[in-house]
Amino acid sequence: MLGTAGLPHILSRFYAVPTARSARRSAVWEIGLIGVGLVSIPLGFLAGWVGTVFSREAADEGAYAETEVRSLTGAGAA
């Protein structure tokens, strides 16, 4: 979470505040918010996958075929 993508955002906080104490506070908030954002994306995908795998609902092949045709042909696009 504190790798290449997050580092510039955190470092920029040190130049945007007047004192060292506020810079530290700002960086801690920034690390926390970046961490929540980065962790929530894979958790959302995992929740969607788990919901699909353990769904008791029967697969609707007709809806799948229609969606596939629309995505490949652009039919129904506004």
N, C-alpha and C. Protein backbone atom coordinates (compact mmCIF):
# COMPACT_ATOMS: atom_id res chain seq x y z
N MET A 1 0.81 -1.20 0.00
CA MET A 1 0.00 0.00 0.00
C MET A 1 0.85 1.27 0.00
N LEU A 2 2.06 1.15 0.45
CA LEU A 2 2.91 2.33 0.49
C LEU A 2 3.97 2.26 -0.59
N GLY A 3 3.64 1.65 -1.69
CA GLY A 3 4.59 1.46 -2.77
C GLY A 3 4.65 2.64 -3.72
N THR A 4 4.96 2.35 -4.94
CA THR A 4 5.20 3.36 -5.95
C THR A 4 3.98 4.24 -6.21
N ALA A 5 2.78 3.68 -6.19
CA ALA A 5 1.59 4.47 -6.48
C ALA A 5 1.26 5.45 -5.36
N GLY A 6 1.49 5.07 -4.11
CA GLY A 6 1.12 5.91 -2.99
C GLY A 6 2.15 6.93 -2.60
N LEU A 7 3.39 6.67 -2.88
CA LEU A 7 4.47 7.53 -2.41
C LEU A 7 4.37 8.99 -2.86
N PRO A 8 4.12 9.30 -4.12
CA PRO A 8 4.02 10.71 -4.51
C PRO A 8 2.89 11.45 -3.79
N HIS A 9 1.78 10.77 -3.55
CA HIS A 9 0.66 11.40 -2.87
C HIS A 9 1.01 11.73 -1.43
N ILE A 10 1.75 10.84 -0.80
CA ILE A 10 2.14 11.06 0.60
C ILE A 10 3.20 12.14 0.68
N LEU A 11 4.17 12.10 -0.20
CA LEU A 11 5.24 13.10 -0.17
C LEU A 11 4.71 14.51 -0.45
N SER A 12 3.69 14.61 -1.29
CA SER A 12 3.14 15.93 -1.60
C SER A 12 2.50 16.57 -0.38
N ARG A 13 2.08 15.78 0.60
CA ARG A 13 1.49 16.33 1.81
C ARG A 13 2.51 17.13 2.62
N PHE A 14 3.77 16.78 2.54
CA PHE A 14 4.80 17.48 3.32
C PHE A 14 5.01 18.91 2.83
N TYR A 15 4.69 19.17 1.58
CA TYR A 15 4.87 20.52 1.02
C TYR A 15 3.59 21.36 1.09
N ALA A 16 2.47 20.73 1.50
CA ALA A 16 1.19 21.43 1.49
C ALA A 16 0.75 21.92 2.87
N VAL A 17 1.57 21.69 3.89
CA VAL A 17 1.21 22.07 5.25
C VAL A 17 2.32 22.92 5.87
N PRO A 18 1.98 23.77 6.85
CA PRO A 18 2.97 24.72 7.36
C PRO A 18 3.98 24.16 8.37
N THR A 19 3.62 23.17 9.17
CA THR A 19 4.54 22.69 10.22
C THR A 19 4.81 21.20 10.07
N ALA A 20 5.86 20.74 10.75
CA ALA A 20 6.23 19.32 10.70
C ALA A 20 5.16 18.47 11.37
N ARG A 21 4.58 18.97 12.46
CA ARG A 21 3.55 18.20 13.16
C ARG A 21 2.32 18.00 12.27
N SER A 22 1.89 19.07 11.62
CA SER A 22 0.74 18.93 10.74
C SER A 22 1.07 18.08 9.51
N ALA A 23 2.32 18.09 9.09
CA ALA A 23 2.73 17.23 7.97
C ALA A 23 2.63 15.76 8.36
N ARG A 24 3.07 15.44 9.57
CA ARG A 24 2.96 14.05 10.02
C ARG A 24 1.50 13.62 10.14
N ARG A 25 0.68 14.49 10.73
CA ARG A 25 -0.75 14.18 10.85
C ARG A 25 -1.39 14.00 9.48
N SER A 26 -1.06 14.88 8.58
CA SER A 26 -1.61 14.81 7.23
C SER A 26 -1.18 13.52 6.53
N ALA A 27 0.09 13.14 6.71
CA ALA A 27 0.59 11.92 6.07
C ALA A 27 -0.09 10.68 6.65
N VAL A 28 -0.34 10.67 7.94
CA VAL A 28 -1.02 9.52 8.55
C VAL A 28 -2.44 9.39 7.99
N TRP A 29 -3.14 10.50 7.88
CA TRP A 29 -4.48 10.46 7.28
C TRP A 29 -4.41 9.98 5.83
N GLU A 30 -3.43 10.48 5.11
CA GLU A 30 -3.28 10.11 3.70
C GLU A 30 -3.00 8.61 3.56
N ILE A 31 -2.11 8.08 4.39
CA ILE A 31 -1.80 6.65 4.33
C ILE A 31 -3.03 5.82 4.63
N GLY A 32 -3.80 6.24 5.63
CA GLY A 32 -5.02 5.51 5.97
C GLY A 32 -6.04 5.52 4.85
N LEU A 33 -6.26 6.68 4.26
CA LEU A 33 -7.25 6.78 3.19
C LEU A 33 -6.82 6.03 1.93
N ILE A 34 -5.55 6.12 1.60
CA ILE A 34 -5.04 5.37 0.44
C ILE A 34 -5.17 3.87 0.71
N GLY A 35 -4.85 3.45 1.93
CA GLY A 35 -4.95 2.03 2.30
C GLY A 35 -6.37 1.52 2.18
N VAL A 36 -7.33 2.29 2.67
CA VAL A 36 -8.73 1.87 2.57
C VAL A 36 -9.14 1.76 1.11
N GLY A 37 -8.75 2.71 0.30
CA GLY A 37 -9.10 2.67 -1.12
C GLY A 37 -8.49 1.50 -1.84
N LEU A 38 -7.23 1.22 -1.56
CA LEU A 38 -6.55 0.13 -2.25
C LEU A 38 -7.04 -1.24 -1.80
N VAL A 39 -7.44 -1.36 -0.56
CA VAL A 39 -7.93 -2.64 -0.06
C VAL A 39 -9.37 -2.88 -0.49
N SER A 40 -10.17 -1.83 -0.62
CA SER A 40 -11.59 -2.01 -0.94
C SER A 40 -11.82 -2.53 -2.35
N ILE A 41 -10.94 -2.23 -3.27
CA ILE A 41 -11.13 -2.68 -4.65
C ILE A 41 -11.05 -4.20 -4.76
N PRO A 42 -9.97 -4.84 -4.28
CA PRO A 42 -9.95 -6.30 -4.36
C PRO A 42 -11.04 -6.96 -3.50
N LEU A 43 -11.39 -6.35 -2.37
CA LEU A 43 -12.46 -6.93 -1.54
C LEU A 43 -13.79 -6.88 -2.26
N GLY A 44 -14.04 -5.82 -3.00
CA GLY A 44 -15.28 -5.73 -3.79
C GLY A 44 -15.35 -6.80 -4.86
N PHE A 45 -14.25 -7.01 -5.56
CA PHE A 45 -14.22 -8.06 -6.57
C PHE A 45 -14.38 -9.44 -5.94
N LEU A 46 -13.74 -9.65 -4.80
CA LEU A 46 -13.86 -10.93 -4.09
C LEU A 46 -15.31 -11.17 -3.65
N ALA A 47 -15.96 -10.14 -3.13
CA ALA A 47 -17.36 -10.28 -2.71
C ALA A 47 -18.25 -10.60 -3.91
N GLY A 48 -18.02 -9.97 -5.03
CA GLY A 48 -18.80 -10.27 -6.23
C GLY A 48 -18.59 -11.69 -6.72
N TRP A 49 -17.35 -12.15 -6.67
CA TRP A 49 -17.04 -13.52 -7.10
C TRP A 49 -17.68 -14.54 -6.16
N VAL A 50 -17.55 -14.30 -4.86
CA VAL A 50 -18.14 -15.22 -3.88
C VAL A 50 -19.66 -15.27 -4.04
N GLY A 51 -20.28 -14.11 -4.26
CA GLY A 51 -21.72 -14.08 -4.47
C GLY A 51 -22.13 -14.84 -5.71
N THR A 52 -21.33 -14.78 -6.75
CA THR A 52 -21.63 -15.50 -7.98
C THR A 52 -21.45 -17.00 -7.82
N VAL A 53 -20.36 -17.40 -7.16
CA VAL A 53 -20.06 -18.81 -7.00
C VAL A 53 -21.09 -19.50 -6.10
N PHE A 54 -21.48 -18.85 -5.03
CA PHE A 54 -22.37 -19.48 -4.06
C PHE A 54 -23.84 -19.11 -4.26
N SER A 55 -24.18 -18.53 -5.38
CA SER A 55 -25.57 -18.16 -5.67
C SER A 55 -26.39 -19.42 -5.92
N ARG A 56 -27.57 -19.47 -5.34
CA ARG A 56 -28.46 -20.61 -5.56
C ARG A 56 -29.37 -20.39 -6.76
N GLU A 57 -29.25 -19.24 -7.36
CA GLU A 57 -30.06 -18.89 -8.51
C GLU A 57 -29.53 -19.60 -9.75
N ALA A 58 -30.42 -20.17 -10.54
CA ALA A 58 -30.00 -20.85 -11.76
C ALA A 58 -29.52 -19.83 -12.79
N ALA A 59 -28.50 -20.21 -13.54
CA ALA A 59 -27.96 -19.32 -14.56
C ALA A 59 -28.97 -19.14 -15.68
N ASP A 60 -29.15 -17.92 -16.13
CA ASP A 60 -30.08 -17.61 -17.21
C ASP A 60 -29.28 -17.51 -18.51
N GLU A 61 -29.25 -18.60 -19.25
CA GLU A 61 -28.45 -18.65 -20.48
C GLU A 61 -28.94 -17.65 -21.53
N GLY A 62 -30.24 -17.40 -21.57
CA GLY A 62 -30.79 -16.46 -22.55
C GLY A 62 -30.29 -15.04 -22.30
N ALA A 63 -30.28 -14.64 -21.04
CA ALA A 63 -29.81 -13.30 -20.70
C ALA A 63 -28.31 -13.18 -20.98
N TYR A 64 -27.56 -14.24 -20.70
CA TYR A 64 -26.13 -14.23 -20.98
C TYR A 64 -25.88 -14.08 -22.48
N ALA A 65 -26.61 -14.84 -23.28
CA ALA A 65 -26.42 -14.78 -24.73
C ALA A 65 -26.79 -13.40 -25.26
N GLU A 66 -27.87 -12.82 -24.75
CA GLU A 66 -28.28 -11.48 -25.20
C GLU A 66 -27.23 -10.44 -24.84
N THR A 67 -26.71 -10.52 -23.64
CA THR A 67 -25.68 -9.58 -23.21
C THR A 67 -24.42 -9.71 -24.06
N GLU A 68 -24.05 -10.95 -24.37
CA GLU A 68 -22.86 -11.18 -25.20
C GLU A 68 -23.06 -10.60 -26.60
N VAL A 69 -24.22 -10.82 -27.20
CA VAL A 69 -24.50 -10.29 -28.55
C VAL A 69 -24.46 -8.77 -28.52
N ARG A 70 -25.10 -8.16 -27.50
CA ARG A 70 -25.11 -6.70 -27.42
C ARG A 70 -23.72 -6.13 -27.24
N SER A 71 -22.88 -6.81 -26.45
CA SER A 71 -21.52 -6.30 -26.23
C SER A 71 -20.65 -6.43 -27.48
N LEU A 72 -20.88 -7.49 -28.26
CA LEU A 72 -20.06 -7.71 -29.45
C LEU A 72 -20.52 -6.87 -30.64
N THR A 73 -21.81 -6.58 -30.73
CA THR A 73 -22.33 -5.86 -31.89
C THR A 73 -22.62 -4.40 -31.62
N GLY A 74 -22.74 -4.03 -30.36
CA GLY A 74 -23.09 -2.65 -30.03
C GLY A 74 -24.58 -2.38 -30.15
N ALA A 75 -25.39 -3.44 -30.28
CA ALA A 75 -26.83 -3.29 -30.39
C ALA A 75 -27.38 -2.74 -29.08
N GLY A 76 -28.27 -1.79 -29.18
CA GLY A 76 -28.89 -1.21 -27.99
C GLY A 76 -28.12 -0.06 -27.40
N ALA A 77 -27.00 0.29 -27.99
CA ALA A 77 -26.22 1.43 -27.49
C ALA A 77 -26.92 2.73 -27.88
N ALA A 78 -26.94 3.64 -26.95
CA ALA A 78 -27.64 4.91 -27.20
C ALA A 78 -26.79 5.85 -28.02
